[in-house]
């Protein structure tokens, strides 16, 4: 609708199935996560491997709907996502109603 179809691809599908198929198309400039929260750690690792240095990772619902500190597998996966993001990105979690994690990918060679 914005007239950017020649420069932007939006893919809506099962990310665990689609992401491995996209790796050969990278490195990417930006990745936006808004998928099943229990796999954010997997998606974050994929982004770290496939974003160019200086690339942008944005993840919605980073506070996990108030359950981030819970004892569920989903909460543990989201905490791993936060820990790995802190190690691989200059990042911040913006205090939107459910948290928006934003990070710029470190240069792994620097």
Protein backbone atom coordinates (compact mmCIF):
# COMPACT_ATOMS: atom_id res chain seq x y z
CA UNK A 1 0.00 0.00 0.00
CA UNK A 2 2.92 2.36 0.65
CA UNK A 3 4.38 1.77 -2.80
CA UNK A 4 7.45 -0.06 -1.47
CA UNK A 5 6.60 -3.52 -2.77
CA UNK A 6 9.70 -3.55 -4.97
CA UNK A 7 11.92 -3.10 -1.88
CA UNK A 8 10.10 -4.85 0.99
CA UNK A 9 8.98 -8.45 1.39
CA UNK A 10 6.46 -9.42 4.03
CA UNK A 11 6.24 -13.13 4.78
CA UNK A 12 3.47 -14.46 7.01
CA UNK A 13 3.95 -18.15 7.72
CA UNK A 14 5.35 -20.57 10.33
CA UNK A 15 8.66 -18.92 11.16
CA UNK A 16 10.33 -22.11 12.39
CA UNK A 17 9.79 -23.57 8.90
CA UNK A 18 10.43 -20.44 6.83
CA UNK A 19 13.52 -18.91 8.49
CA UNK A 20 15.99 -21.65 7.52
CA UNK A 21 14.90 -21.22 3.89
CA UNK A 22 15.63 -17.48 4.03
CA UNK A 23 19.22 -17.68 5.26
CA UNK A 24 20.65 -17.78 1.73
CA UNK A 25 18.94 -14.44 0.97
CA UNK A 26 20.80 -12.54 3.71
CA UNK A 27 22.39 -10.76 5.29
CA UNK A 28 19.31 -8.74 6.14
CA UNK A 29 19.02 -5.11 7.19
CA UNK A 30 16.10 -5.62 9.59
CA UNK A 31 14.09 -8.36 11.27
CA UNK A 32 10.78 -7.79 13.06
CA UNK A 33 9.57 -10.48 15.46
CA UNK A 34 5.93 -10.85 16.41
CA UNK A 35 5.42 -14.61 16.43
CA UNK A 36 4.96 -17.37 18.97
CA UNK A 37 6.74 -16.06 22.03
CA UNK A 38 8.03 -19.47 23.15
CA UNK A 39 10.37 -19.50 20.15
CA UNK A 40 11.75 -15.96 20.43
CA UNK A 41 15.12 -17.35 21.53
CA UNK A 42 15.31 -19.41 18.31
CA UNK A 43 14.24 -16.43 16.18
CA UNK A 44 16.73 -14.16 17.93
CA UNK A 45 19.58 -16.59 17.24
CA UNK A 46 18.56 -16.79 13.60
CA UNK A 47 18.51 -12.98 13.40
CA UNK A 48 21.97 -12.78 14.98
CA UNK A 49 23.30 -15.15 12.34
CA UNK A 50 21.56 -13.43 9.43
CA UNK A 51 21.50 -9.70 10.16
CA UNK A 52 24.30 -7.59 8.75
CA UNK A 53 26.44 -5.67 11.26
CA UNK A 54 24.42 -2.57 12.06
CA UNK A 55 21.19 -4.42 11.21
CA UNK A 56 18.08 -3.80 13.27
CA UNK A 57 16.19 -6.37 15.35
CA UNK A 58 12.78 -5.37 16.67
CA UNK A 59 10.72 -7.73 18.84
CA UNK A 60 7.17 -7.02 19.98
CA UNK A 61 5.68 -8.26 23.27
CA UNK A 62 9.10 -8.55 24.91
CA UNK A 63 7.53 -8.42 28.39
CA UNK A 64 5.54 -11.57 27.52
CA UNK A 65 2.21 -10.09 28.60
CA UNK A 66 3.43 -9.68 32.18
CA UNK A 67 4.66 -13.29 32.43
CA UNK A 68 8.36 -12.68 31.66
CA UNK A 69 9.51 -13.74 35.14
CA UNK A 70 7.28 -16.82 35.27
CA UNK A 71 8.40 -20.43 35.46
CA UNK A 72 7.02 -21.56 32.07
CA UNK A 73 9.02 -22.77 29.07
CA UNK A 74 7.73 -19.73 27.20
CA UNK A 75 9.06 -17.34 29.87
CA UNK A 76 12.44 -19.08 29.93
CA UNK A 77 12.67 -18.81 26.12
CA UNK A 78 11.86 -15.11 26.25
CA UNK A 79 14.48 -14.51 28.97
CA UNK A 80 17.06 -16.35 26.80
CA UNK A 81 16.07 -14.05 23.96
CA UNK A 82 16.73 -10.99 26.16
CA UNK A 83 20.08 -12.37 27.36
CA UNK A 84 21.27 -13.20 23.85
CA UNK A 85 20.05 -9.85 22.52
CA UNK A 86 22.02 -8.07 25.23
CA UNK A 87 25.16 -9.94 24.16
CA UNK A 88 24.80 -9.44 20.40
CA UNK A 89 23.16 -6.03 20.06
CA UNK A 90 23.26 -2.50 21.37
CA UNK A 91 19.74 -2.79 22.64
CA UNK A 92 16.94 -1.38 24.72
CA UNK A 93 13.50 -2.60 25.71
CA UNK A 94 11.08 0.27 25.26
CA UNK A 95 8.35 0.46 27.91
CA UNK A 96 5.36 0.13 25.60
CA UNK A 97 2.39 -1.62 27.20
CA UNK A 98 4.04 -5.00 26.55
CA UNK A 99 7.62 -4.07 25.74
CA UNK A 100 9.31 -3.51 22.40
CA UNK A 101 12.89 -4.77 22.22
CA UNK A 102 15.04 -2.85 19.73
CA UNK A 103 18.65 -3.65 18.96
CA UNK A 104 21.42 -2.82 16.50
CA UNK A 105 23.58 -5.84 15.62
CA UNK A 106 27.19 -5.70 16.80
CA UNK A 107 29.90 -6.31 14.24
CA UNK A 108 31.10 -9.81 15.22
CA UNK A 109 34.58 -9.00 13.83
CA UNK A 110 34.98 -5.80 15.85
